[in-house]
Amino acid sequence: IPEAIRKKFSGPEGWKTHVPLHFLTDNYCSLANHAPMKELNNLFSIDGSSGSIISVVKELPVNPELELSFEQWFQGFEHLLELIKRYVPEEHSLWVTHYKHILYAPDRAENWSL
């Protein structure tokens, strides 16, 4: 899992931004471990009142997430659950329930428009 994604979970304020699942597929994670991914990095700004440099959380693009195949979604969600278990353990069981609801839905294959 890319370090920039891990930082979105482990930062001082914890997990506050949506991490689209396409950033957590096996392929993306493999690529991210070999090359810098500027789209994952936060931006920096100057605080007007103190003059200090601050990190500004950059929202990640969501559109590619909507085009994932089932296999890619499965990979991404598995990595997401790993991150949640490590950094937000109190929410892990809720996310596992959500994951299973999608995974085992009787009409999942019919409704998977991707």
PDB file of N, CA and C in Angstrom:
ATOM      1  N   ILE A   1       0.864  -1.176   0.000  1.00  0.00           N
ATOM      2  CA  ILE A   1       0.000   0.000   0.000  1.00  0.00           C
ATOM      3  C   ILE A   1       0.902   1.229   0.000  1.00  0.00           C
ATOM      4  N   PRO A   2       0.644   2.181  -0.888  1.00  0.00           N
ATOM      5  CA  PRO A   2       1.509   3.364  -0.967  1.00  0.00           C
ATOM      6  C   PRO A   2       1.602   4.112   0.367  1.00  0.00           C
ATOM      7  N   GLU A   3       2.788   4.578   0.663  1.00  0.00           N
ATOM      8  CA  GLU A   3       3.015   5.306   1.912  1.00  0.00           C
ATOM      9  C   GLU A   3       2.118   6.541   2.003  1.00  0.00           C
ATOM     10  N   ALA A   4       1.888   7.207   0.883  1.00  0.00           N
ATOM     11  CA  ALA A   4       1.033   8.399   0.895  1.00  0.00           C
ATOM     12  C   ALA A   4      -0.395   8.049   1.313  1.00  0.00           C
ATOM     13  N   ILE A   5      -0.857   6.860   0.966  1.00  0.00           N
ATOM     14  CA  ILE A   5      -2.191   6.416   1.396  1.00  0.00           C
ATOM     15  C   ILE A   5      -2.163   6.080   2.885  1.00  0.00           C
ATOM     16  N   ARG A   6      -1.122   5.389   3.321  1.00  0.00           N
ATOM     17  CA  ARG A   6      -1.004   5.073   4.755  1.00  0.00           C
ATOM     18  C   ARG A   6      -1.028   6.350   5.596  1.00  0.00           C
ATOM     19  N   LYS A   7      -0.386   7.391   5.098  1.00  0.00           N
ATOM     20  CA  LYS A   7      -0.338   8.656   5.837  1.00  0.00           C
ATOM     21  C   LYS A   7      -1.722   9.276   5.982  1.00  0.00           C
ATOM     22  N   LYS A   8      -2.617   8.994   5.042  1.00  0.00           N
ATOM     23  CA  LYS A   8      -3.979   9.519   5.144  1.00  0.00           C
ATOM     24  C   LYS A   8      -4.731   8.857   6.300  1.00  0.00           C
ATOM     25  N   PHE A   9      -4.253   7.716   6.742  1.00  0.00           N
ATOM     26  CA  PHE A   9      -4.854   7.010   7.873  1.00  0.00           C
ATOM     27  C   PHE A   9      -4.100   7.283   9.175  1.00  0.00           C
ATOM     28  N   SER A  10      -2.794   7.441   9.078  1.00  0.00           N
ATOM     29  CA  SER A  10      -1.970   7.518  10.285  1.00  0.00           C
ATOM     30  C   SER A  10      -1.605   8.937  10.699  1.00  0.00           C
ATOM     31  N   GLY A  11      -2.046   9.923   9.953  1.00  0.00           N
ATOM     32  CA  GLY A  11      -1.702  11.309  10.268  1.00  0.00           C
ATOM     33  C   GLY A  11      -2.240  11.740  11.621  1.00  0.00           C
ATOM     34  N   PRO A  12      -1.877  12.936  12.039  1.00  0.00           N
ATOM     35  CA  PRO A  12      -2.266  13.414  13.367  1.00  0.00           C
ATOM     36  C   PRO A  12      -3.782  13.468  13.594  1.00  0.00           C
ATOM     37  N   GLU A  13      -4.535  13.675  12.534  1.00  0.00           N
ATOM     38  CA  GLU A  13      -5.991  13.736  12.679  1.00  0.00           C
ATOM     39  C   GLU A  13      -6.668  12.421  12.316  1.00  0.00           C
ATOM     40  N   GLY A  14      -5.890  11.426  11.914  1.00  0.00           N
ATOM     41  CA  GLY A  14      -6.473  10.143  11.538  1.00  0.00           C
ATOM     42  C   GLY A  14      -7.102  10.179  10.155  1.00  0.00           C
ATOM     43  N   TRP A  15      -7.941   9.214   9.883  1.00  0.00           N
ATOM     44  CA  TRP A  15      -8.565   9.036   8.575  1.00  0.00           C
ATOM     45  C   TRP A  15      -9.725  10.005   8.425  1.00  0.00           C
ATOM     46  N   LYS A  16      -9.534  11.039   7.622  1.00  0.00           N
ATOM     47  CA  LYS A  16     -10.556  12.074   7.452  1.00  0.00           C
ATOM     48  C   LYS A  16     -11.004  12.250   6.005  1.00  0.00           C
ATOM     49  N   THR A  17     -10.295  11.656   5.052  1.00  0.00           N
ATOM     50  CA  THR A  17     -10.639  11.855   3.645  1.00  0.00           C
ATOM     51  C   THR A  17     -10.943  10.523   2.969  1.00  0.00           C
ATOM     52  N   HIS A  18     -11.812  10.587   1.977  1.00  0.00           N
ATOM     53  CA  HIS A  18     -12.156   9.395   1.205  1.00  0.00           C
ATOM     54  C   HIS A  18     -10.933   8.942   0.409  1.00  0.00           C
ATOM     55  N   VAL A  19     -10.643   7.662   0.469  1.00  0.00           N
ATOM     56  CA  VAL A  19      -9.568   7.086  -0.329  1.00  0.00           C
ATOM     57  C   VAL A  19     -10.230   6.174  -1.363  1.00  0.00           C
ATOM     58  N   PRO A  20     -10.308   6.625  -2.618  1.00  0.00           N
ATOM     59  CA  PRO A  20     -10.941   5.807  -3.651  1.00  0.00           C
ATOM     60  C   PRO A  20     -10.234   4.459  -3.805  1.00  0.00           C
ATOM     61  N   LEU A  21     -11.024   3.426  -4.029  1.00  0.00           N
ATOM     62  CA  LEU A  21     -10.477   2.070  -4.067  1.00  0.00           C
ATOM     63  C   LEU A  21      -9.499   1.829  -5.209  1.00  0.00           C
ATOM     64  N   HIS A  22      -9.553   2.628  -6.264  1.00  0.00           N
ATOM     65  CA  HIS A  22      -8.593   2.392  -7.352  1.00  0.00           C
ATOM     66  C   HIS A  22      -7.157   2.671  -6.904  1.00  0.00           C
ATOM     67  N   PHE A  23      -6.988   3.443  -5.832  1.00  0.00           N
ATOM     68  CA  PHE A  23      -5.648   3.669  -5.284  1.00  0.00           C
ATOM     69  C   PHE A  23      -5.180   2.492  -4.436  1.00  0.00           C
ATOM     70  N   LEU A  24      -6.053   1.513  -4.231  1.00  0.00           N
ATOM     71  CA  LEU A  24      -5.720   0.378  -3.377  1.00  0.00           C
ATOM     72  C   LEU A  24      -5.737  -0.957  -4.118  1.00  0.00           C
ATOM     73  N   THR A  25      -5.858  -0.925  -5.441  1.00  0.00           N
ATOM     74  CA  THR A  25      -5.800  -2.177  -6.199  1.00  0.00           C
ATOM     75  C   THR A  25      -4.369  -2.719  -6.167  1.00  0.00           C
ATOM     76  N   ASP A  26      -4.229  -4.000  -6.424  1.00  0.00           N
ATOM     77  CA  ASP A  26      -2.894  -4.608  -6.429  1.00  0.00           C
ATOM     78  C   ASP A  26      -1.984  -3.913  -7.436  1.00  0.00           C
ATOM     79  N   ASN A  27      -2.516  -3.636  -8.615  1.00  0.00           N
ATOM     80  CA  ASN A  27      -1.710  -3.013  -9.660  1.00  0.00           C
ATOM     81  C   ASN A  27      -1.230  -1.626  -9.239  1.00  0.00           C
ATOM     82  N   TYR A  28      -2.127  -0.817  -8.715  1.00  0.00           N
ATOM     83  CA  TYR A  28      -1.741   0.535  -8.308  1.00  0.00           C
ATOM     84  C   TYR A  28      -0.743   0.487  -7.158  1.00  0.00           C
ATOM     85  N   CYS A  29      -0.990  -0.383  -6.202  1.00  0.00           N
ATOM     86  CA  CYS A  29      -0.069  -0.492  -5.068  1.00  0.00           C
ATOM     87  C   CYS A  29       1.315  -0.920  -5.538  1.00  0.00           C
ATOM     88  N   SER A  30       1.366  -1.800  -6.514  1.00  0.00           N
ATOM     89  CA  SER A  30       2.646  -2.246  -7.057  1.00  0.00           C
ATOM     90  C   SER A  30       3.359  -1.099  -7.770  1.00  0.00           C
ATOM     91  N   LEU A  31       2.623  -0.352  -8.589  1.00  0.00           N
ATOM     92  CA  LEU A  31       3.214   0.787  -9.295  1.00  0.00           C
ATOM     93  C   LEU A  31       3.668   1.863  -8.322  1.00  0.00           C
ATOM     94  N   ALA A  32       2.862   2.118  -7.317  1.00  0.00           N
ATOM     95  CA  ALA A  32       3.164   3.182  -6.363  1.00  0.00           C
ATOM     96  C   ALA A  32       4.412   2.877  -5.555  1.00  0.00           C
ATOM     97  N   ASN A  33       4.732   1.615  -5.404  1.00  0.00           N
ATOM     98  CA  ASN A  33       5.925   1.259  -4.647  1.00  0.00           C
ATOM     99  C   ASN A  33       7.196   1.449  -5.466  1.00  0.00           C
ATOM    100  N   HIS A  34       7.038   1.709  -6.764  1.00  0.00           N
ATOM    101  CA  HIS A  34       8.205   1.853  -7.630  1.00  0.00           C
ATOM    102  C   HIS A  34       8.367   3.250  -8.215  1.00  0.00           C
ATOM    103  N   ALA A  35       7.374   4.080  -8.047  1.00  0.00           N
ATOM    104  CA  ALA A  35       7.453   5.422  -8.624  1.00  0.00           C
ATOM    105  C   ALA A  35       6.662   6.395  -7.752  1.00  0.00           C
ATOM    106  N   PRO A  36       7.131   7.625  -7.666  1.00  0.00           N
ATOM    107  CA  PRO A  36       6.373   8.611  -6.888  1.00  0.00           C
ATOM    108  C   PRO A  36       5.040   8.914  -7.573  1.00  0.00           C
ATOM    109  N   MET A  37       3.996   9.003  -6.794  1.00  0.00           N
ATOM    110  CA  MET A  37       2.667   9.284  -7.328  1.00  0.00           C
ATOM    111  C   MET A  37       2.235  10.656  -6.824  1.00  0.00           C
ATOM    112  N   LYS A  38       2.466  11.677  -7.639  1.00  0.00           N
ATOM    113  CA  LYS A  38       2.201  13.043  -7.187  1.00  0.00           C
ATOM    114  C   LYS A  38       0.737  13.290  -6.870  1.00  0.00           C
ATOM    115  N   GLU A  39      -0.171  12.525  -7.472  1.00  0.00           N
ATOM    116  CA  GLU A  39      -1.587  12.738  -7.186  1.00  0.00           C
ATOM    117  C   GLU A  39      -1.960  12.336  -5.765  1.00  0.00           C
ATOM    118  N   LEU A  40      -1.094  11.572  -5.098  1.00  0.00           N
ATOM    119  CA  LEU A  40      -1.364  11.156  -3.726  1.00  0.00           C
ATOM    120  C   LEU A  40      -0.846  12.142  -2.690  1.00  0.00           C
ATOM    121  N   ASN A  41       0.046  13.018  -3.090  1.00  0.00           N
ATOM    122  CA  ASN A  41       0.685  13.910  -2.130  1.00  0.00           C
ATOM    123  C   ASN A  41      -0.212  15.075  -1.742  1.00  0.00           C
ATOM    124  N   ASN A  42      -0.124  15.468  -0.488  1.00  0.00           N
ATOM    125  CA  ASN A  42      -0.849  16.641  -0.021  1.00  0.00           C
ATOM    126  C   ASN A  42      -0.203  17.895  -0.587  1.00  0.00           C
ATOM    127  N   LEU A  43      -0.924  18.980  -0.517  1.00  0.00           N
ATOM    128  CA  LEU A  43      -0.413  20.271  -0.954  1.00  0.00           C
ATOM    129  C   LEU A  43       0.087  21.035   0.269  1.00  0.00           C
ATOM    130  N   PHE A  44       0.875  22.048   0.019  1.00  0.00           N
ATOM    131  CA  PHE A  44       1.354  22.881   1.116  1.00  0.00           C
ATOM    132  C   PHE A  44       0.906  24.310   0.884  1.00  0.00           C
ATOM    133  N   SER A  45       0.646  24.994   1.981  1.00  0.00           N
ATOM    134  CA  SER A  45       0.179  26.370   1.922  1.00  0.00           C
ATOM    135  C   SER A  45       0.816  27.132   3.078  1.00  0.00           C
ATOM    136  N   ILE A  46       0.668  28.434   3.053  1.00  0.00           N
ATOM    137  CA  ILE A  46       1.183  29.264   4.148  1.00  0.00           C
ATOM    138  C   ILE A  46       0.004  29.747   4.977  1.00  0.00           C
ATOM    139  N   ASP A  47       0.086  29.494   6.265  1.00  0.00           N
ATOM    140  CA  ASP A  47      -0.945  29.949   7.196  1.00  0.00           C
ATOM    141  C   ASP A  47      -0.839  31.467   7.310  1.00  0.00           C
ATOM    142  N   GLY A  48      -1.913  32.166   6.941  1.00  0.00           N
ATOM    143  CA  GLY A  48      -1.902  33.627   6.936  1.00  0.00           C
ATOM    144  C   GLY A  48      -1.681  34.253   8.296  1.00  0.00           C
ATOM    145  N   SER A  49      -2.149  33.612   9.348  1.00  0.00           N
ATOM    146  CA  SER A  49      -2.019  34.219  10.673  1.00  0.00           C
ATOM    147  C   SER A  49      -0.647  34.003  11.296  1.00  0.00           C
ATOM    148  N   SER A  50      -0.046  32.838  11.045  1.00  0.00           N
ATOM    149  CA  SER A  50       1.243  32.552  11.683  1.00  0.00           C
ATOM    150  C   SER A  50       2.422  32.633  10.719  1.00  0.00           C
ATOM    151  N   GLY A  51       2.138  32.556   9.417  1.00  0.00           N
ATOM    152  CA  GLY A  51       3.211  32.568   8.432  1.00  0.00           C
ATOM    153  C   GLY A  51       3.914  31.231   8.284  1.00  0.00           C
ATOM    154  N   SER A  52       3.424  30.208   8.979  1.00  0.00           N
ATOM    155  CA  SER A  52       4.069  28.899   8.894  1.00  0.00           C
ATOM    156  C   SER A  52       3.502  28.092   7.724  1.00  0.00           C
ATOM    157  N   ILE A  53       4.286  27.136   7.277  1.00  0.00           N
ATOM    158  CA  ILE A  53       3.867  26.257   6.190  1.00  0.00           C
ATOM    159  C   ILE A  53       3.004  25.151   6.781  1.00  0.00           C
ATOM    160  N   ILE A  54       1.856  24.919   6.147  1.00  0.00           N
ATOM    161  CA  ILE A  54       0.954  23.876   6.619  1.00  0.00           C
ATOM    162  C   ILE A  54       0.635  22.919   5.475  1.00  0.00           C
ATOM    163  N   SER A  55       0.341  21.694   5.836  1.00  0.00           N
ATOM    164  CA  SER A  55      -0.053  20.683   4.864  1.00  0.00           C
ATOM    165  C   SER A  55      -1.563  20.765   4.664  1.00  0.00           C
ATOM    166  N   VAL A  56      -1.986  20.769   3.414  1.00  0.00           N
ATOM    167  CA  VAL A  56      -3.406  20.818   3.083  1.00  0.00           C
ATOM    168  C   VAL A  56      -3.768  19.480   2.449  1.00  0.00           C
ATOM    169  N   VAL A  57      -4.755  18.810   3.019  1.00  0.00           N
ATOM    170  CA  VAL A  57      -5.158  17.508   2.499  1.00  0.00           C
ATOM    171  C   VAL A  57      -5.752  17.684   1.110  1.00  0.00           C
ATOM    172  N   LYS A  58      -5.221  16.932   0.187  1.00  0.00           N
ATOM    173  CA  LYS A  58      -5.672  16.987  -1.201  1.00  0.00           C
ATOM    174  C   LYS A  58      -6.732  15.910  -1.411  1.00  0.00           C
ATOM    175  N   GLU A  59      -7.876  16.309  -1.936  1.00  0.00           N
ATOM    176  CA  GLU A  59      -8.922  15.337  -2.239  1.00  0.00           C
ATOM    177  C   GLU A  59      -8.478  14.490  -3.434  1.00  0.00           C
ATOM    178  N   LEU A  60      -8.711  13.205  -3.350  1.00  0.00           N
ATOM    179  CA  LEU A  60      -8.312  12.294  -4.419  1.00  0.00           C
ATOM    180  C   LEU A  60      -9.446  12.138  -5.429  1.00  0.00           C
ATOM    181  N   PRO A  61      -9.110  11.957  -6.706  1.00  0.00           N
ATOM    182  CA  PRO A  61     -10.158  11.798  -7.724  1.00  0.00           C
ATOM    183  C   PRO A  61     -10.950  10.507  -7.515  1.00  0.00           C
ATOM    184  N   VAL A  62     -12.263  10.610  -7.635  1.00  0.00           N
ATOM    185  CA  VAL A  62     -13.147   9.479  -7.368  1.00  0.00           C
ATOM    186  C   VAL A  62     -13.554   8.749  -8.646  1.00  0.00           C
ATOM    187  N   ASN A  63     -13.631   9.428  -9.765  1.00  0.00           N
ATOM    188  CA  ASN A  63     -14.180   8.836 -10.991  1.00  0.00           C
ATOM    189  C   ASN A  63     -13.604   7.471 -11.355  1.00  0.00           C
ATOM    190  N   PRO A  64     -12.290   7.255 -11.310  1.00  0.00           N
ATOM    191  CA  PRO A  64     -11.783   5.919 -11.668  1.00  0.00           C
ATOM    192  C   PRO A  64     -12.329   4.804 -10.777  1.00  0.00           C
ATOM    193  N   GLU A  65     -12.693   5.131  -9.543  1.00  0.00           N
ATOM    194  CA  GLU A  65     -13.245   4.121  -8.647  1.00  0.00           C
ATOM    195  C   GLU A  65     -14.546   3.552  -9.216  1.00  0.00           C
ATOM    196  N   LEU A  66     -15.291   4.374  -9.905  1.00  0.00           N
ATOM    197  CA  LEU A  66     -16.582   3.956 -10.447  1.00  0.00           C
ATOM    198  C   LEU A  66     -16.440   3.023 -11.646  1.00  0.00           C
ATOM    199  N   GLU A  67     -15.230   2.877 -12.149  1.00  0.00           N
ATOM    200  CA  GLU A  67     -14.987   2.037 -13.321  1.00  0.00           C
ATOM    201  C   GLU A  67     -14.250   0.738 -12.983  1.00  0.00           C
ATOM    202  N   LEU A  68     -14.117   0.432 -11.709  1.00  0.00           N
ATOM    203  CA  LEU A  68     -13.391  -0.770 -11.308  1.00  0.00           C
ATOM    204  C   LEU A  68     -14.150  -2.038 -11.693  1.00  0.00           C
ATOM    205  N   SER A  69     -13.402  -3.046 -12.097  1.00  0.00           N
ATOM    206  CA  SER A  69     -13.995  -4.369 -12.279  1.00  0.00           C
ATOM    207  C   SER A  69     -14.258  -4.940 -10.885  1.00  0.00           C
ATOM    208  N   PHE A  70     -15.004  -6.033 -10.825  1.00  0.00           N
ATOM    209  CA  PHE A  70     -15.247  -6.646  -9.523  1.00  0.00           C
ATOM    210  C   PHE A  70     -13.929  -7.072  -8.885  1.00  0.00           C
ATOM    211  N   GLU A  71     -13.036  -7.647  -9.664  1.00  0.00           N
ATOM    212  CA  GLU A  71     -11.742  -8.094  -9.131  1.00  0.00           C
ATOM    213  C   GLU A  71     -10.950  -6.924  -8.551  1.00  0.00           C
ATOM    214  N   GLN A  72     -10.941  -5.802  -9.244  1.00  0.00           N
ATOM    215  CA  GLN A  72     -10.227  -4.623  -8.747  1.00  0.00           C
ATOM    216  C   GLN A  72     -10.882  -4.091  -7.468  1.00  0.00           C
ATOM    217  N   TRP A  73     -12.222  -4.068  -7.451  1.00  0.00           N
ATOM    218  CA  TRP A  73     -12.934  -3.631  -6.247  1.00  0.00           C
ATOM    219  C   TRP A  73     -12.566  -4.530  -5.068  1.00  0.00           C
ATOM    220  N   PHE A  74     -12.555  -5.837  -5.315  1.00  0.00           N
ATOM    221  CA  PHE A  74     -12.230  -6.816  -4.283  1.00  0.00           C
ATOM    222  C   PHE A  74     -10.826  -6.562  -3.727  1.00  0.00           C
ATOM    223  N   GLN A  75      -9.861  -6.368  -4.617  1.00  0.00           N
ATOM    224  CA  GLN A  75      -8.483  -6.092  -4.192  1.00  0.00           C
ATOM    225  C   GLN A  75      -8.418  -4.811  -3.363  1.00  0.00           C
ATOM    226  N   GLY A  76      -9.044  -3.760  -3.881  1.00  0.00           N
ATOM    227  CA  GLY A  76      -9.018  -2.475  -3.196  1.00  0.00           C
ATOM    228  C   GLY A  76      -9.654  -2.535  -1.821  1.00  0.00           C
ATOM    229  N   PHE A  77     -10.787  -3.228  -1.729  1.00  0.00           N
ATOM    230  CA  PHE A  77     -11.471  -3.295  -0.444  1.00  0.00           C
ATOM    231  C   PHE A  77     -10.674  -4.122   0.559  1.00  0.00           C
ATOM    232  N   GLU A  78     -10.007  -5.163   0.094  1.00  0.00           N
ATOM    233  CA  GLU A  78      -9.162  -5.954   0.998  1.00  0.00           C
ATOM    234  C   GLU A  78      -8.054  -5.080   1.596  1.00  0.00           C
ATOM    235  N   HIS A  79      -7.443  -4.251   0.767  1.00  0.00           N
ATOM    236  CA  HIS A  79      -6.392  -3.345   1.259  1.00  0.00           C
ATOM    237  C   HIS A  79      -6.985  -2.281   2.186  1.00  0.00           C
ATOM    238  N   LEU A  80      -8.179  -1.805   1.848  1.00  0.00           N
ATOM    239  CA  LEU A  80      -8.843  -0.825   2.706  1.00  0.00           C
ATOM    240  C   LEU A  80      -9.105  -1.421   4.090  1.00  0.00           C
ATOM    241  N   LEU A  81      -9.591  -2.650   4.121  1.00  0.00           N
ATOM    242  CA  LEU A  81      -9.850  -3.304   5.409  1.00  0.00           C
ATOM    243  C   LEU A  81      -8.567  -3.469   6.220  1.00  0.00           C
ATOM    244  N   GLU A  82      -7.478  -3.749   5.533  1.00  0.00           N
ATOM    245  CA  GLU A  82      -6.180  -3.864   6.211  1.00  0.00           C
ATOM    246  C   GLU A  82      -5.803  -2.536   6.881  1.00  0.00           C
ATOM    247  N   LEU A  83      -5.994  -1.440   6.148  1.00  0.00           N
ATOM    248  CA  LEU A  83      -5.681  -0.114   6.698  1.00  0.00           C
ATOM    249  C   LEU A  83      -6.592   0.229   7.876  1.00  0.00           C
ATOM    250  N   ILE A  84      -7.868  -0.058   7.719  1.00  0.00           N
ATOM    251  CA  ILE A  84      -8.818   0.241   8.794  1.00  0.00           C
ATOM    252  C   ILE A  84      -8.476  -0.575  10.038  1.00  0.00           C
ATOM    253  N   LYS A  85      -8.167  -1.840   9.849  1.00  0.00           N
ATOM    254  CA  LYS A  85      -7.831  -2.693  10.999  1.00  0.00           C
ATOM    255  C   LYS A  85      -6.621  -2.150  11.752  1.00  0.00           C
ATOM    256  N   ARG A  86      -5.660  -1.633  11.009  1.00  0.00           N
ATOM    257  CA  ARG A  86      -4.443  -1.130  11.651  1.00  0.00           C
ATOM    258  C   ARG A  86      -4.632   0.250  12.281  1.00  0.00           C
ATOM    259  N   TYR A  87      -5.295   1.161  11.561  1.00  0.00           N
ATOM    260  CA  TYR A  87      -5.339   2.552  11.998  1.00  0.00           C
ATOM    261  C   TYR A  87      -6.657   2.990  12.645  1.00  0.00           C
ATOM    262  N   VAL A  88      -7.738   2.273  12.354  1.00  0.00           N
ATOM    263  CA  VAL A  88      -9.043   2.629  12.920  1.00  0.00           C
ATOM    264  C   VAL A  88      -9.736   1.341  13.384  1.00  0.00           C
ATOM    265  N   PRO A  89      -9.107   0.604  14.284  1.00  0.00           N
ATOM    266  CA  PRO A  89      -9.616  -0.719  14.650  1.00  0.00           C
ATOM    267  C   PRO A  89     -11.039  -0.711  15.207  1.00  0.00           C
ATOM    268  N   GLU A  90     -11.435   0.388  15.820  1.00  0.00           N
ATOM    269  CA  GLU A  90     -12.785   0.453  16.380  1.00  0.00           C
ATOM    270  C   GLU A  90     -13.869   0.463  15.298  1.00  0.00           C
ATOM    271  N   GLU A  91     -13.500   0.746  14.053  1.00  0.00           N
ATOM    272  CA  GLU A  91     -14.464   0.752  12.951  1.00  0.00           C
ATOM    273  C   GLU A  91     -14.365  -0.494  12.070  1.00  0.00           C
ATOM    274  N   HIS A  92     -13.383  -1.335  12.321  1.00  0.00           N
ATOM    275  CA  HIS A  92     -13.112  -2.462  11.428  1.00  0.00           C
ATOM    276  C   HIS A  92     -14.319  -3.376  11.237  1.00  0.00           C
ATOM    277  N   SER A  93     -14.967  -3.773  12.304  1.00  0.00           N
ATOM    278  CA  SER A  93     -16.087  -4.714  12.171  1.00  0.00           C
ATOM    279  C   SER A  93     -17.238  -4.108  11.365  1.00  0.00           C
ATOM    280  N   LEU A  94     -17.446  -2.811  11.482  1.00  0.00           N
ATOM    281  CA  LEU A  94     -18.494  -2.150  10.692  1.00  0.00           C
ATOM    282  C   LEU A  94     -18.171  -2.201   9.201  1.00  0.00           C
ATOM    283  N   TRP A  95     -16.907  -1.986   8.870  1.00  0.00           N
ATOM    284  CA  TRP A  95     -16.494  -2.024   7.468  1.00  0.00           C
ATOM    285  C   TRP A  95     -16.510  -3.443   6.918  1.00  0.00           C
ATOM    286  N   VAL A  96     -16.202  -4.422   7.744  1.00  0.00           N
ATOM    287  CA  VAL A  96     -16.288  -5.825   7.307  1.00  0.00           C
ATOM    288  C   VAL A  96     -17.745  -6.161   6.994  1.00  0.00           C
ATOM    289  N   THR A  97     -18.657  -5.695   7.818  1.00  0.00           N
ATOM    290  CA  THR A  97     -20.085  -5.915   7.569  1.00  0.00           C
ATOM    291  C   THR A  97     -20.499  -5.279   6.243  1.00  0.00           C
ATOM    292  N   HIS A  98     -20.062  -4.067   6.000  1.00  0.00           N
ATOM    293  CA  HIS A  98     -20.368  -3.369   4.742  1.00  0.00           C
ATOM    294  C   HIS A  98     -19.806  -4.149   3.546  1.00  0.00           C
ATOM    295  N   TYR A  99     -18.576  -4.581   3.673  1.00  0.00           N
ATOM    296  CA  TYR A  99     -17.898  -5.357   2.633  1.00  0.00           C
ATOM    297  C   TYR A  99     -18.667  -6.645   2.325  1.00  0.00           C
ATOM    298  N   LYS A 100     -19.041  -7.371   3.365  1.00  0.00           N
ATOM    299  CA  LYS A 100     -19.761  -8.635   3.178  1.00  0.00           C
ATOM    300  C   LYS A 100     -21.145  -8.406   2.588  1.00  0.00           C
ATOM    301  N   HIS A 101     -21.769  -7.309   2.963  1.00  0.00           N
ATOM    302  CA  HIS A 101     -23.084  -6.979   2.403  1.00  0.00           C
ATOM    303  C   HIS A 101     -22.993  -6.846   0.879  1.00  0.00           C
ATOM    304  N   ILE A 102     -21.960  -6.193   0.408  1.00  0.00           N
ATOM    305  CA  ILE A 102     -21.761  -6.035  -1.039  1.00  0.00           C
ATOM    306  C   ILE A 102     -21.319  -7.356  -1.658  1.00  0.00           C
ATOM    307  N   LEU A 103     -20.343  -7.993  -1.048  1.00  0.00           N
ATOM    308  CA  LEU A 103     -19.755  -9.209  -1.595  1.00  0.00           C
ATOM    309  C   LEU A 103     -20.771 -10.336  -1.751  1.00  0.00           C
ATOM    310  N   TYR A 104     -21.631 -10.507  -0.759  1.00  0.00           N
ATOM    311  CA  TYR A 104     -22.560 -11.634  -0.765  1.00  0.00           C
ATOM    312  C   TYR A 104     -23.984 -11.263  -1.168  1.00  0.00           C
ATOM    313  N   ALA A 105     -24.177 -10.083  -1.686  1.00  0.00           N
ATOM    314  CA  ALA A 105     -25.516  -9.695  -2.142  1.00  0.00           C
ATOM    315  C   ALA A 105     -25.956 -10.652  -3.251  1.00  0.00           C
ATOM    316  N   PRO A 106     -27.155 -11.206  -3.158  1.00  0.00           N
ATOM    317  CA  PRO A 106     -27.595 -12.187  -4.149  1.00  0.00           C
ATOM    318  C   PRO A 106     -27.664 -11.626  -5.571  1.00  0.00           C
ATOM    319  N   ASP A 107     -27.842 -10.333  -5.696  1.00  0.00           N
ATOM    320  CA  ASP A 107     -27.940  -9.731  -7.027  1.00  0.00           C
ATOM    321  C   ASP A 107     -26.677  -8.955  -7.419  1.00  0.00           C
ATOM    322  N   ARG A 108     -25.570  -9.216  -6.717  1.00  0.00           N
ATOM    323  CA  ARG A 108     -24.338  -8.472  -6.992  1.00  0.00           C
ATOM    324  C   ARG A 108     -23.923  -8.568  -8.448  1.00  0.00           C
ATOM    325  N   ALA A 109     -23.899  -9.755  -9.007  1.00  0.00           N
ATOM    326  CA  ALA A 109     -23.451  -9.928 -10.396  1.00  0.00           C
ATOM    327  C   ALA A 109     -24.385  -9.219 -11.375  1.00  0.00           C
ATOM    328  N   GLU A 110     -25.665  -9.224 -11.082  1.00  0.00           N
ATOM    329  CA  GLU A 110     -26.634  -8.562 -11.962  1.00  0.00           C
ATOM    330  C   GLU A 110     -26.480  -7.049 -11.928  1.00  0.00           C
ATOM    331  N   ASN A 111     -26.162  -6.532 -10.764  1.00  0.00           N
ATOM    332  CA  ASN A 111     -26.107  -5.085 -10.594  1.00  0.00           C
ATOM    333  C   ASN A 111     -24.716  -4.489 -10.745  1.00  0.00           C
ATOM    334  N   TRP A 112     -23.713  -5.331 -10.923  1.00  0.00           N
ATOM    335  CA  TRP A 112     -22.353  -4.805 -11.084  1.00  0.00           C
ATOM    336  C   TRP A 112     -22.247  -4.266 -12.494  1.00  0.00           C
ATOM    337  N   SER A 113     -22.346  -2.960 -12.614  1.00  0.00           N
ATOM    338  CA  SER A 113     -22.410  -2.354 -13.946  1.00  0.00           C
ATOM    339  C   SER A 113     -21.036  -2.116 -14.550  1.00  0.00           C
ATOM    340  N   LEU A 114     -20.018  -2.625 -13.926  1.00  0.00           N
ATOM    341  CA  LEU A 114     -18.668  -2.330 -14.392  1.00  0.00           C
ATOM    342  C   LEU A 114     -18.096  -3.451 -15.222  1.00  0.00           C
TER     343      LEU A 114
END
